[in-house]
C-alpha atoms as a PDB file:
ATOM      1  CA  UNK A   1      34.147  -5.604   5.158  1.00  0.00           C
ATOM      2  CA  UNK A   2      33.073  -2.242   6.051  1.00  0.00           C
ATOM      3  CA  UNK A   3      29.487  -1.319   4.696  1.00  0.00           C
ATOM      4  CA  UNK A   4      27.139   1.689   4.781  1.00  0.00           C
ATOM      5  CA  UNK A   5      23.861   1.490   4.435  1.00  0.00           C
ATOM      6  CA  UNK A   6      21.552   4.692   3.643  1.00  0.00           C
ATOM      7  CA  UNK A   7      17.451   3.307   4.816  1.00  0.00           C
ATOM      8  CA  UNK A   8      18.610   0.618   7.253  1.00  0.00           C
ATOM      9  CA  UNK A   9      16.064   1.515   9.350  1.00  0.00           C
ATOM     10  CA  UNK A  10      12.679   0.271   6.925  1.00  0.00           C
ATOM     11  CA  UNK A  11      11.730  -2.981   6.274  1.00  0.00           C
ATOM     12  CA  UNK A  12      14.279  -4.514   4.137  1.00  0.00           C
ATOM     13  CA  UNK A  13      17.131  -2.526   5.829  1.00  0.00           C
ATOM     14  CA  UNK A  14      16.580  -3.313   9.316  1.00  0.00           C
ATOM     15  CA  UNK A  15      16.983  -7.164   8.294  1.00  0.00           C
ATOM     16  CA  UNK A  16      19.993  -6.379   5.767  1.00  0.00           C
ATOM     17  CA  UNK A  17      21.641  -4.745   9.058  1.00  0.00           C
ATOM     18  CA  UNK A  18      21.330  -7.892  11.345  1.00  0.00           C
ATOM     19  CA  UNK A  19      22.323 -10.472   8.249  1.00  0.00           C
ATOM     20  CA  UNK A  20      25.492  -8.487   7.553  1.00  0.00           C
ATOM     21  CA  UNK A  21      26.404  -8.203  11.417  1.00  0.00           C
ATOM     22  CA  UNK A  22      25.895 -11.945  11.812  1.00  0.00           C
ATOM     23  CA  UNK A  23      28.347 -12.550   8.692  1.00  0.00           C
ATOM     24  CA  UNK A  24      31.280 -10.484  10.796  1.00  0.00           C
ATOM     25  CA  UNK A  25      30.615  -6.917   8.613  1.00  0.00           C
ATOM     26  CA  UNK A  26      31.101  -3.886  10.089  1.00  0.00           C
ATOM     27  CA  UNK A  27      27.929  -1.694   9.719  1.00  0.00           C
ATOM     28  CA  UNK A  28      27.280   2.109   9.922  1.00  0.00           C
ATOM     29  CA  UNK A  29      23.741   3.332   9.291  1.00  0.00           C
ATOM     30  CA  UNK A  30      22.629   6.876   7.621  1.00  0.00           C
ATOM     31  CA  UNK A  31      19.225   7.357   9.367  1.00  0.00           C
ATOM     32  CA  UNK A  32      17.117  10.545   9.877  1.00  0.00           C
ATOM     33  CA  UNK A  33      15.508   8.469  12.773  1.00  0.00           C
ATOM     34  CA  UNK A  34      18.385   8.043  15.109  1.00  0.00           C
ATOM     35  CA  UNK A  35      16.417   5.782  17.584  1.00  0.00           C
ATOM     36  CA  UNK A  36      14.650   3.126  15.686  1.00  0.00           C
ATOM     37  CA  UNK A  37      17.442   0.759  15.395  1.00  0.00           C
ATOM     38  CA  UNK A  38      17.629   0.570  19.357  1.00  0.00           C
ATOM     39  CA  UNK A  39      17.523  -3.050  20.333  1.00  0.00           C
ATOM     40  CA  UNK A  40      17.097  -4.017  16.268  1.00  0.00           C
ATOM     41  CA  UNK A  41      20.210  -5.238  15.777  1.00  0.00           C
ATOM     42  CA  UNK A  42      24.111  -5.770  17.315  1.00  0.00           C
ATOM     43  CA  UNK A  43      25.936  -2.683  17.953  1.00  0.00           C
ATOM     44  CA  UNK A  44      25.486  -1.254  14.319  1.00  0.00           C
ATOM     45  CA  UNK A  45      27.155   2.321  13.798  1.00  0.00           C
ATOM     46  CA  UNK A  46      24.261   5.430  13.623  1.00  0.00           C
ATOM     47  CA  UNK A  47      24.846   8.169  12.323  1.00  0.00           C
ATOM     48  CA  UNK A  48      22.214  11.025  11.509  1.00  0.00           C
ATOM     49  CA  UNK A  49      21.914  12.879   8.050  1.00  0.00           C
ATOM     50  CA  UNK A  50      18.943  14.497   6.146  1.00  0.00           C
ATOM     51  CA  UNK A  51      19.160  12.733   3.318  1.00  0.00           C
ATOM     52  CA  UNK A  52      20.162  15.838   1.158  1.00  0.00           C
ATOM     53  CA  UNK A  53      22.867  17.943   2.161  1.00  0.00           C
ATOM     54  CA  UNK A  54      26.417  17.845   2.785  1.00  0.00           C
ATOM     55  CA  UNK A  55      27.461  17.051   6.562  1.00  0.00           C
ATOM     56  CA  UNK A  56      29.738  15.472   8.822  1.00  0.00           C
ATOM     57  CA  UNK A  57      28.275  12.124   7.635  1.00  0.00           C
ATOM     58  CA  UNK A  58      30.375  12.089   4.679  1.00  0.00           C
ATOM     59  CA  UNK A  59      33.546  11.356   6.527  1.00  0.00           C
ATOM     60  CA  UNK A  60      32.446   7.451   7.642  1.00  0.00           C
ATOM     61  CA  UNK A  61      32.479   7.176   4.031  1.00  0.00           C
ATOM     62  CA  UNK A  62      36.213   7.493   3.437  1.00  0.00           C
ATOM     63  CA  UNK A  63      37.456   3.868   3.694  1.00  0.00           C
ATOM     64  CA  UNK A  64      34.043   2.028   3.542  1.00  0.00           C
ATOM     65  CA  UNK A  65      34.063  -0.883   1.222  1.00  0.00           C
ATOM     66  CA  UNK A  66      30.698  -0.869   0.089  1.00  0.00           C
ATOM     67  CA  UNK A  67      27.714   2.019   0.615  1.00  0.00           C
ATOM     68  CA  UNK A  68      24.200   0.054   0.013  1.00  0.00           C
ATOM     69  CA  UNK A  69      21.467   2.544  -0.777  1.00  0.00           C
ATOM     70  CA  UNK A  70      17.598   1.955   0.161  1.00  0.00           C
ATOM     71  CA  UNK A  71      16.657   5.468   1.436  1.00  0.00           C
ATOM     72  CA  UNK A  72      13.173   6.506  -0.268  1.00  0.00           C
ATOM     73  CA  UNK A  73       9.633   6.940   1.499  1.00  0.00           C
ATOM     74  CA  UNK A  74       7.396   4.042   0.784  1.00  0.00           C
ATOM     75  CA  UNK A  75       5.771   3.951  -2.603  1.00  0.00           C
ATOM     76  CA  UNK A  76       2.414   2.325  -1.639  1.00  0.00           C
ATOM     77  CA  UNK A  77       1.798   3.981   2.152  1.00  0.00           C
ATOM     78  CA  UNK A  78      -0.771   6.542   0.702  1.00  0.00           C
ATOM     79  CA  UNK A  79      -2.520   8.167  -2.074  1.00  0.00           C
ATOM     80  CA  UNK A  80      -0.421   9.568  -5.026  1.00  0.00           C
ATOM     81  CA  UNK A  81      -1.159  12.907  -5.018  1.00  0.00           C
ATOM     82  CA  UNK A  82       1.422  15.768  -6.785  1.00  0.00           C
ATOM     83  CA  UNK A  83       3.185  16.277  -3.221  1.00  0.00           C
ATOM     84  CA  UNK A  84       3.380  12.988  -1.767  1.00  0.00           C
ATOM     85  CA  UNK A  85       4.981  12.077  -5.691  1.00  0.00           C
ATOM     86  CA  UNK A  86       7.227  14.724  -5.387  1.00  0.00           C
ATOM     87  CA  UNK A  87       8.186  13.154  -2.259  1.00  0.00           C
ATOM     88  CA  UNK A  88       8.383  10.091  -3.559  1.00  0.00           C
ATOM     89  CA  UNK A  89      10.674  11.242  -5.958  1.00  0.00           C
ATOM     90  CA  UNK A  90      13.295  13.730  -3.941  1.00  0.00           C
ATOM     91  CA  UNK A  91      13.591  11.019  -1.325  1.00  0.00           C
ATOM     92  CA  UNK A  92      15.414   8.845  -3.723  1.00  0.00           C
ATOM     93  CA  UNK A  93      16.820  11.692  -6.160  1.00  0.00           C
ATOM     94  CA  UNK A  94      18.210  13.687  -3.476  1.00  0.00           C
ATOM     95  CA  UNK A  95      19.623  10.921  -1.100  1.00  0.00           C
ATOM     96  CA  UNK A  96      21.084   8.732  -4.143  1.00  0.00           C
ATOM     97  CA  UNK A  97      22.682  12.210  -5.591  1.00  0.00           C
ATOM     98  CA  UNK A  98      24.081  13.011  -1.906  1.00  0.00           C
ATOM     99  CA  UNK A  99      25.563   9.875  -1.510  1.00  0.00           C
ATOM    100  CA  UNK A 100      27.201   9.724  -5.091  1.00  0.00           C
ATOM    101  CA  UNK A 101      28.422  13.272  -4.401  1.00  0.00           C
ATOM    102  CA  UNK A 102      30.061  12.726  -0.748  1.00  0.00           C
ATOM    103  CA  UNK A 103      31.700   8.901  -2.181  1.00  0.00           C
ATOM    104  CA  UNK A 104      33.523  11.492  -5.283  1.00  0.00           C
ATOM    105  CA  UNK A 105      35.118  13.612  -2.479  1.00  0.00           C
ATOM    106  CA  UNK A 106      36.737  10.802  -0.208  1.00  0.00           C
ATOM    107  CA  UNK A 107      40.341   9.617  -0.428  1.00  0.00           C
ATOM    108  CA  UNK A 108      39.891   6.330  -0.161  1.00  0.00           C
ATOM    109  CA  UNK A 109      36.394   5.783  -2.238  1.00  0.00           C
ATOM    110  CA  UNK A 110      34.071   2.755  -1.501  1.00  0.00           C
ATOM    111  CA  UNK A 111      34.408   0.443  -4.650  1.00  0.00           C
ATOM    112  CA  UNK A 112      30.834  -0.786  -4.486  1.00  0.00           C
ATOM    113  CA  UNK A 113      27.350   0.943  -4.675  1.00  0.00           C
ATOM    114  CA  UNK A 114      24.082  -1.022  -4.200  1.00  0.00           C
ATOM    115  CA  UNK A 115      21.735   1.471  -5.047  1.00  0.00           C
ATOM    116  CA  UNK A 116      17.752   0.610  -4.462  1.00  0.00           C
ATOM    117  CA  UNK A 117      15.641   0.557  -7.571  1.00  0.00           C
ATOM    118  CA  UNK A 118      11.922  -1.638  -8.413  1.00  0.00           C
ATOM    119  CA  UNK A 119      10.473  -3.197 -11.683  1.00  0.00           C
ATOM    120  CA  UNK A 120       8.314  -0.087 -11.714  1.00  0.00           C
ATOM    121  CA  UNK A 121      11.315   0.381 -14.153  1.00  0.00           C
ATOM    122  CA  UNK A 122       9.883  -1.933 -16.875  1.00  0.00           C
ATOM    123  CA  UNK A 123       6.114  -0.420 -16.439  1.00  0.00           C
ATOM    124  CA  UNK A 124       2.963  -1.791 -17.092  1.00  0.00           C
ATOM    125  CA  UNK A 125       3.253  -5.021 -18.936  1.00  0.00           C
ATOM    126  CA  UNK A 126       0.980  -7.520 -20.789  1.00  0.00           C
ATOM    127  CA  UNK A 127       2.468 -11.024 -20.521  1.00  0.00           C
ATOM    128  CA  UNK A 128       5.685 -10.435 -21.802  1.00  0.00           C
ATOM    129  CA  UNK A 129       8.591 -12.468 -19.780  1.00  0.00           C
ATOM    130  CA  UNK A 130      11.133  -9.178 -18.651  1.00  0.00           C
ATOM    131  CA  UNK A 131      14.868  -9.365 -17.595  1.00  0.00           C
ATOM    132  CA  UNK A 132      17.424  -7.229 -17.189  1.00  0.00           C
ATOM    133  CA  UNK A 133      17.791  -6.729 -21.050  1.00  0.00           C
ATOM    134  CA  UNK A 134      14.239  -5.450 -21.256  1.00  0.00           C
ATOM    135  CA  UNK A 135      13.569  -1.684 -22.452  1.00  0.00           C
ATOM    136  CA  UNK A 136      12.068   0.709 -19.334  1.00  0.00           C
ATOM    137  CA  UNK A 137       8.083   1.378 -20.000  1.00  0.00           C
ATOM    138  CA  UNK A 138       6.675   4.213 -19.223  1.00  0.00           C
ATOM    139  CA  UNK A 139       4.398   5.696 -16.641  1.00  0.00           C
ATOM    140  CA  UNK A 140       5.067   7.322 -13.168  1.00  0.00           C
ATOM    141  CA  UNK A 141       7.228   4.417 -11.818  1.00  0.00           C
ATOM    142  CA  UNK A 142       9.170   4.127 -14.773  1.00  0.00           C
ATOM    143  CA  UNK A 143       9.863   7.639 -14.934  1.00  0.00           C
ATOM    144  CA  UNK A 144      11.137   7.522 -11.683  1.00  0.00           C
ATOM    145  CA  UNK A 145      13.224   4.772 -11.110  1.00  0.00           C
ATOM    146  CA  UNK A 146      15.200   6.243 -14.749  1.00  0.00           C
ATOM    147  CA  UNK A 147      15.909   8.911 -12.886  1.00  0.00           C
ATOM    148  CA  UNK A 148      16.966   7.160  -9.674  1.00  0.00           C
ATOM    149  CA  UNK A 149      19.320   5.037 -11.298  1.00  0.00           C
ATOM    150  CA  UNK A 150      21.081   7.592 -13.516  1.00  0.00           C
ATOM    151  CA  UNK A 151      22.204   9.482 -10.647  1.00  0.00           C
ATOM    152  CA  UNK A 152      23.283   5.949  -8.908  1.00  0.00           C
ATOM    153  CA  UNK A 153      25.312   5.001 -12.182  1.00  0.00           C
ATOM    154  CA  UNK A 154      27.097   8.359 -11.471  1.00  0.00           C
ATOM    155  CA  UNK A 155      29.452   6.622  -9.439  1.00  0.00           C
ATOM    156  CA  UNK A 156      30.727   4.538 -12.082  1.00  0.00           C
ATOM    157  CA  UNK A 157      32.460   7.809 -13.573  1.00  0.00           C
ATOM    158  CA  UNK A 158      34.876   7.742 -10.673  1.00  0.00           C
ATOM    159  CA  UNK A 159      35.590   3.825 -10.308  1.00  0.00           C
ATOM    160  CA  UNK A 160      33.092   2.377  -8.301  1.00  0.00           C
ATOM    161  CA  UNK A 161      31.247  -0.910  -9.200  1.00  0.00           C
ATOM    162  CA  UNK A 162      27.104   0.453  -9.192  1.00  0.00           C
ATOM    163  CA  UNK A 163      24.677  -2.476  -9.019  1.00  0.00           C
ATOM    164  CA  UNK A 164      20.904  -0.941  -9.590  1.00  0.00           C
ATOM    165  CA  UNK A 165      18.537  -3.599  -7.489  1.00  0.00           C
ATOM    166  CA  UNK A 166      15.200  -3.612  -9.367  1.00  0.00           C
ATOM    167  CA  UNK A 167      13.213  -5.419  -6.915  1.00  0.00           C
ATOM    168  CA  UNK A 168       9.332  -6.620  -6.903  1.00  0.00           C
ATOM    169  CA  UNK A 169       7.222  -7.113  -3.953  1.00  0.00           C
ATOM    170  CA  UNK A 170       9.105  -8.371  -1.294  1.00  0.00           C
ATOM    171  CA  UNK A 171       7.150 -11.041   1.435  1.00  0.00           C
ATOM    172  CA  UNK A 172       7.896 -11.181   5.035  1.00  0.00           C
ATOM    173  CA  UNK A 173       5.243 -11.377   7.969  1.00  0.00           C
ATOM    174  CA  UNK A 174       6.360  -8.078   9.657  1.00  0.00           C
ATOM    175  CA  UNK A 175       5.981  -5.287   6.347  1.00  0.00           C
ATOM    176  CA  UNK A 176       5.451  -4.832   3.097  1.00  0.00           C
ATOM    177  CA  UNK A 177       2.312  -5.908   1.551  1.00  0.00           C
ATOM    178  CA  UNK A 178       1.924  -9.223   3.061  1.00  0.00           C
ATOM    179  CA  UNK A 179       0.075  -8.273   6.106  1.00  0.00           C
ATOM    180  CA  UNK A 180      -2.692  -6.130   4.545  1.00  0.00           C
ATOM    181  CA  UNK A 181      -3.234  -9.004   1.975  1.00  0.00           C
ATOM    182  CA  UNK A 182      -3.443 -11.615   4.575  1.00  0.00           C
ATOM    183  CA  UNK A 183      -5.873  -9.545   6.956  1.00  0.00           C
ATOM    184  CA  UNK A 184      -9.012 -10.357   4.591  1.00  0.00           C
ATOM    185  CA  UNK A 185      -7.714 -13.904   4.034  1.00  0.00           C
ATOM    186  CA  UNK A 186      -8.197 -14.406   7.916  1.00  0.00           C
ATOM    187  CA  UNK A 187     -12.032 -12.710   7.913  1.00  0.00           C
ATOM    188  CA  UNK A 188     -12.892 -15.433   5.186  1.00  0.00           C
ATOM    189  CA  UNK A 189     -13.391 -12.120   2.579  1.00  0.00           C
ATOM    190  CA  UNK A 190     -10.019 -13.214   0.650  1.00  0.00           C
ATOM    191  CA  UNK A 191      -9.858 -12.874  -3.219  1.00  0.00           C
ATOM    192  CA  UNK A 192      -7.790 -11.190  -6.117  1.00  0.00           C
ATOM    193  CA  UNK A 193      -7.414  -7.856  -6.838  1.00  0.00           C
ATOM    194  CA  UNK A 194      -9.399  -7.762 -10.368  1.00  0.00           C
ATOM    195  CA  UNK A 195      -8.423  -8.000 -13.210  1.00  0.00           C
ATOM    196  CA  UNK A 196      -6.425 -10.896 -11.942  1.00  0.00           C
ATOM    197  CA  UNK A 197      -4.538 -11.732 -14.670  1.00  0.00           C
ATOM    198  CA  UNK A 198      -2.097  -9.322 -13.818  1.00  0.00           C
ATOM    199  CA  UNK A 199       1.567 -10.882 -12.937  1.00  0.00           C
ATOM    200  CA  UNK A 200       3.129 -10.405  -9.383  1.00  0.00           C
ATOM    201  CA  UNK A 201       6.891 -10.420  -9.289  1.00  0.00           C
ATOM    202  CA  UNK A 202       7.810 -11.373  -5.825  1.00  0.00           C
ATOM    203  CA  UNK A 203      10.774 -12.334  -3.377  1.00  0.00           C
ATOM    204  CA  UNK A 204      10.715 -13.849   0.057  1.00  0.00           C
ATOM    205  CA  UNK A 205      12.945 -10.997   1.755  1.00  0.00           C
ATOM    206  CA  UNK A 206      15.909 -13.519   3.031  1.00  0.00           C
ATOM    207  CA  UNK A 207      16.018 -13.739  -1.037  1.00  0.00           C
ATOM    208  CA  UNK A 208      16.167 -10.477  -1.138  1.00  0.00           C
ATOM    209  CA  UNK A 209      19.385 -10.099   1.531  1.00  0.00           C
ATOM    210  CA  UNK A 210      20.720 -13.123  -0.062  1.00  0.00           C
ATOM    211  CA  UNK A 211      20.560 -11.184  -3.313  1.00  0.00           C
ATOM    212  CA  UNK A 212      22.470  -7.811  -2.002  1.00  0.00           C
ATOM    213  CA  UNK A 213      25.368 -10.111  -0.126  1.00  0.00           C
ATOM    214  CA  UNK A 214      25.890 -12.016  -3.506  1.00  0.00           C
ATOM    215  CA  UNK A 215      26.167  -8.790  -5.181  1.00  0.00           C
ATOM    216  CA  UNK A 216      28.847  -7.529  -2.491  1.00  0.00           C
ATOM    217  CA  UNK A 217      30.858 -10.659  -2.449  1.00  0.00           C
ATOM    218  CA  UNK A 218      30.576 -11.240  -7.126  1.00  0.00           C
ATOM    219  CA  UNK A 219      32.922  -9.217  -8.383  1.00  0.00           C
ATOM    220  CA  UNK A 220      31.735  -9.250 -12.322  1.00  0.00           C
ATOM    221  CA  UNK A 221      27.586  -8.327 -11.135  1.00  0.00           C
ATOM    222  CA  UNK A 222      27.226  -4.772 -12.141  1.00  0.00           C
ATOM    223  CA  UNK A 223      24.331  -3.079 -13.326  1.00  0.00           C
ATOM    224  CA  UNK A 224      20.620  -3.960 -13.238  1.00  0.00           C
ATOM    225  CA  UNK A 225      19.915  -6.911 -11.649  1.00  0.00           C
ATOM    226  CA  UNK A 226      16.229  -7.916 -10.987  1.00  0.00           C
ATOM    227  CA  UNK A 227      15.627  -9.004  -7.069  1.00  0.00           C
ATOM    228  CA  UNK A 228      12.858 -11.058  -7.740  1.00  0.00           C
ATOM    229  CA  UNK A 229      11.934 -14.926  -7.705  1.00  0.00           C
ATOM    230  CA  UNK A 230      12.405 -17.280 -10.263  1.00  0.00           C
ATOM    231  CA  UNK A 231       8.102 -18.214 -10.487  1.00  0.00           C
ATOM    232  CA  UNK A 232       6.313 -15.276 -10.768  1.00  0.00           C
ATOM    233  CA  UNK A 233       2.587 -15.704 -10.273  1.00  0.00           C
ATOM    234  CA  UNK A 234      -0.812 -14.062 -11.683  1.00  0.00           C
ATOM    235  CA  UNK A 235      -2.707 -11.972  -9.222  1.00  0.00           C
ATOM    236  CA  UNK A 236      -5.049 -14.576  -9.238  1.00  0.00           C
ATOM    237  CA  UNK A 237      -2.797 -17.426  -8.599  1.00  0.00           C
ATOM    238  CA  UNK A 238      -0.640 -15.467  -6.051  1.00  0.00           C
ATOM    239  CA  UNK A 239      -4.212 -15.099  -3.775  1.00  0.00           C
ATOM    240  CA  UNK A 240      -5.094 -18.846  -4.331  1.00  0.00           C
ATOM    241  CA  UNK A 241      -1.742 -19.775  -3.112  1.00  0.00           C
ATOM    242  CA  UNK A 242      -2.122 -17.558  -0.140  1.00  0.00           C
ATOM    243  CA  UNK A 243      -5.675 -19.041   0.512  1.00  0.00           C
ATOM    244  CA  UNK A 244      -4.539 -22.533   0.247  1.00  0.00           C
ATOM    245  CA  UNK A 245      -1.607 -22.131   2.537  1.00  0.00           C
ATOM    246  CA  UNK A 246      -3.805 -19.770   5.332  1.00  0.00           C
ATOM    247  CA  UNK A 247      -6.423 -22.704   4.749  1.00  0.00           C
ATOM    248  CA  UNK A 248      -8.764 -20.268   3.517  1.00  0.00           C
ATOM    249  CA  UNK A 249     -11.097 -19.524   0.597  1.00  0.00           C
ATOM    250  CA  UNK A 250     -10.082 -17.192  -1.983  1.00  0.00           C
ATOM    251  CA  UNK A 251     -13.406 -16.052  -3.250  1.00  0.00           C
ATOM    252  CA  UNK A 252     -14.229 -12.374  -2.574  1.00  0.00           C
ATOM    253  CA  UNK A 253     -12.233 -10.559  -5.399  1.00  0.00           C
ATOM    254  CA  UNK A 254     -11.499  -6.473  -5.456  1.00  0.00           C
ATOM    255  CA  UNK A 255     -12.879  -4.627  -8.094  1.00  0.00           C
ATOM    256  CA  UNK A 256     -10.825  -2.074  -9.762  1.00  0.00           C
ATOM    257  CA  UNK A 257     -12.821   0.995  -9.453  1.00  0.00           C
ATOM    258  CA  UNK A 258     -13.305   0.319  -5.946  1.00  0.00           C
ATOM    259  CA  UNK A 259      -9.382   0.547  -5.809  1.00  0.00           C
ATOM    260  CA  UNK A 260      -9.582   3.568  -8.085  1.00  0.00           C
ATOM    261  CA  UNK A 261     -11.861   5.748  -5.670  1.00  0.00           C
ATOM    262  CA  UNK A 262     -10.351   4.576  -2.828  1.00  0.00           C
ATOM    263  CA  UNK A 263      -6.575   4.927  -4.303  1.00  0.00           C
ATOM    264  CA  UNK A 264      -6.490   7.450  -6.822  1.00  0.00           C
ATOM    265  CA  UNK A 265      -3.664   6.888  -9.208  1.00  0.00           C
ATOM    266  CA  UNK A 266      -1.521   4.439  -6.810  1.00  0.00           C
ATOM    267  CA  UNK A 267      -4.271   1.776  -7.870  1.00  0.00           C
ATOM    268  CA  UNK A 268      -2.501   0.967 -11.112  1.00  0.00           C
ATOM    269  CA  UNK A 269       0.231  -0.113  -8.863  1.00  0.00           C
ATOM    270  CA  UNK A 270      -2.179  -3.194  -7.635  1.00  0.00           C
ATOM    271  CA  UNK A 271      -3.871  -3.773 -10.757  1.00  0.00           C
ATOM    272  CA  UNK A 272      -0.949  -3.938 -13.346  1.00  0.00           C
ATOM    273  CA  UNK A 273       1.775  -5.737 -13.023  1.00  0.00           C
ATOM    274  CA  UNK A 274       5.233  -7.393 -15.010  1.00  0.00           C
ATOM    275  CA  UNK A 275       6.490 -10.431 -15.201  1.00  0.00           C
ATOM    276  CA  UNK A 276       9.920 -10.186 -14.228  1.00  0.00           C
ATOM    277  CA  UNK A 277      12.662 -13.334 -14.035  1.00  0.00           C
ATOM    278  CA  UNK A 278      15.810 -12.564 -12.026  1.00  0.00           C
ATOM    279  CA  UNK A 279      18.090 -13.580 -15.317  1.00  0.00           C
ATOM    280  CA  UNK A 280      21.342 -12.204 -14.177  1.00  0.00           C
ATOM    281  CA  UNK A 281      21.137 -13.704 -10.711  1.00  0.00           C
ATOM    282  CA  UNK A 282      20.494 -17.182 -12.190  1.00  0.00           C
ATOM    283  CA  UNK A 283      23.101 -16.940 -14.965  1.00  0.00           C
ATOM    284  CA  UNK A 284      25.132 -16.114 -12.095  1.00  0.00           C
ATOM    285  CA  UNK A 285      24.599 -19.158 -10.028  1.00  0.00           C
ATOM    286  CA  UNK A 286      22.526 -17.469  -7.122  1.00  0.00           C
ATOM    287  CA  UNK A 287      20.342 -19.918  -5.583  1.00  0.00           C
ATOM    288  CA  UNK A 288      17.159 -19.219  -4.237  1.00  0.00           C
ATOM    289  CA  UNK A 289      16.337 -20.178  -0.864  1.00  0.00           C
ATOM    290  CA  UNK A 290      12.709 -19.889  -1.646  1.00  0.00           C
ATOM    291  CA  UNK A 291      11.939 -20.091  -5.416  1.00  0.00           C
ATOM    292  CA  UNK A 292       8.395 -21.051  -5.430  1.00  0.00           C
ATOM    293  CA  UNK A 293       5.450 -18.763  -3.982  1.00  0.00           C
ATOM    294  CA  UNK A 294       4.452 -21.447  -1.800  1.00  0.00           C
ATOM    295  CA  UNK A 295       7.374 -22.052  -0.487  1.00  0.00           C
ATOM    296  CA  UNK A 296       7.600 -18.779   0.542  1.00  0.00           C
ATOM    297  CA  UNK A 297       4.378 -18.114   2.440  1.00  0.00           C
ATOM    298  CA  UNK A 298       4.470 -21.560   4.183  1.00  0.00           C
ATOM    299  CA  UNK A 299       7.849 -20.243   5.426  1.00  0.00           C
ATOM    300  CA  UNK A 300       6.202 -17.118   6.350  1.00  0.00           C
ATOM    301  CA  UNK A 301       3.218 -18.164   7.795  1.00  0.00           C
ATOM    302  CA  UNK A 302       4.838 -20.830   9.862  1.00  0.00           C
ATOM    303  CA  UNK A 303       7.218 -18.992  11.608  1.00  0.00           C
ATOM    304  CA  UNK A 304       6.732 -17.902  14.786  1.00  0.00           C
END
C-alpha cells in the first residue's frame, strides 16, 4: 500500500514507519521536523508541513491508499495551562482538518483514514467496563476527543473508511510513560499513584502497531477502535507487577495532593482512569501478542 503518515516522527510513528516499510509498503511521512527520521527507518519519503495550512504537501495524498494521522502535541509533557490546553487542541483539530480537507481535493482519494484518538473519550470512570459502544464522558480530554473524532469523520462524507483509534497507555522502553514509571523502582522508591484503584488501560507498542496494520487490512473495521490490551489493571496492581518484573518492591505510594501541586490539572490524567476493553478487535479476530501486563513488561524489560 501507499501510506501517508502524519506524526510519523514520534514515539509510535517512528516504530510504525519501520514496521510498514519492512512489510513492503510505501511510506510518506508528513513532519514539521524533517531531520528527525534520519537513520530511523529505511527510505521513507519525508515531506515538511506545518500541520495547519494548505501547501505543496497535499499532492502526496493523490493516489495514496491510506492516511494515518498520529499528529498532536504530547498530552502529559507539561502542566495544562490554558495556553498548553489550546496547543493540545489545535495540534490535533487543525492537523486533522487540514488532512481531511486535502484528501477531499484529490482526484484519486485515499480510501482509508486511521485517525488517532484516546480513551480519554470515555472520561474518568469507576469500575464500569467500557467498550466502543460506551458513550462519551466529561472533562477536558473527553471534549478534545469528541472534537478530534468529529473532524476525522468528515472523511466519510466523500467515501473514505474512517477508523478512530482510541489509545490507552502505550508501553515500550524508549518512550511514553513507562520509562518514567520504571525510574523510581530502580531506586527502590517505586509505588502506585494514589488512590491506587484507578484503572490503567494499557497496550504494548507492538500490539498498537499491530492493530493499525490490522485495521488497514480489514475492510469491515470502521469507526471507534479501542487500542488497549484485553486485561486492564488497577494502578496498584500495575505497579505490583512492574515491581515483580524489576525485582523491586512497590511500597512508596505517590500522594494525590503532591501530584496536584506539581502538575495542576494534569494530575487528573494519572489519578483517574478508565477500564476499557478492545471489544471490536477481539470480535474481529485480532490476536494480541501481549494480552497480559506481565508478558508485556517482561518482553520490554528483558529486551536488549
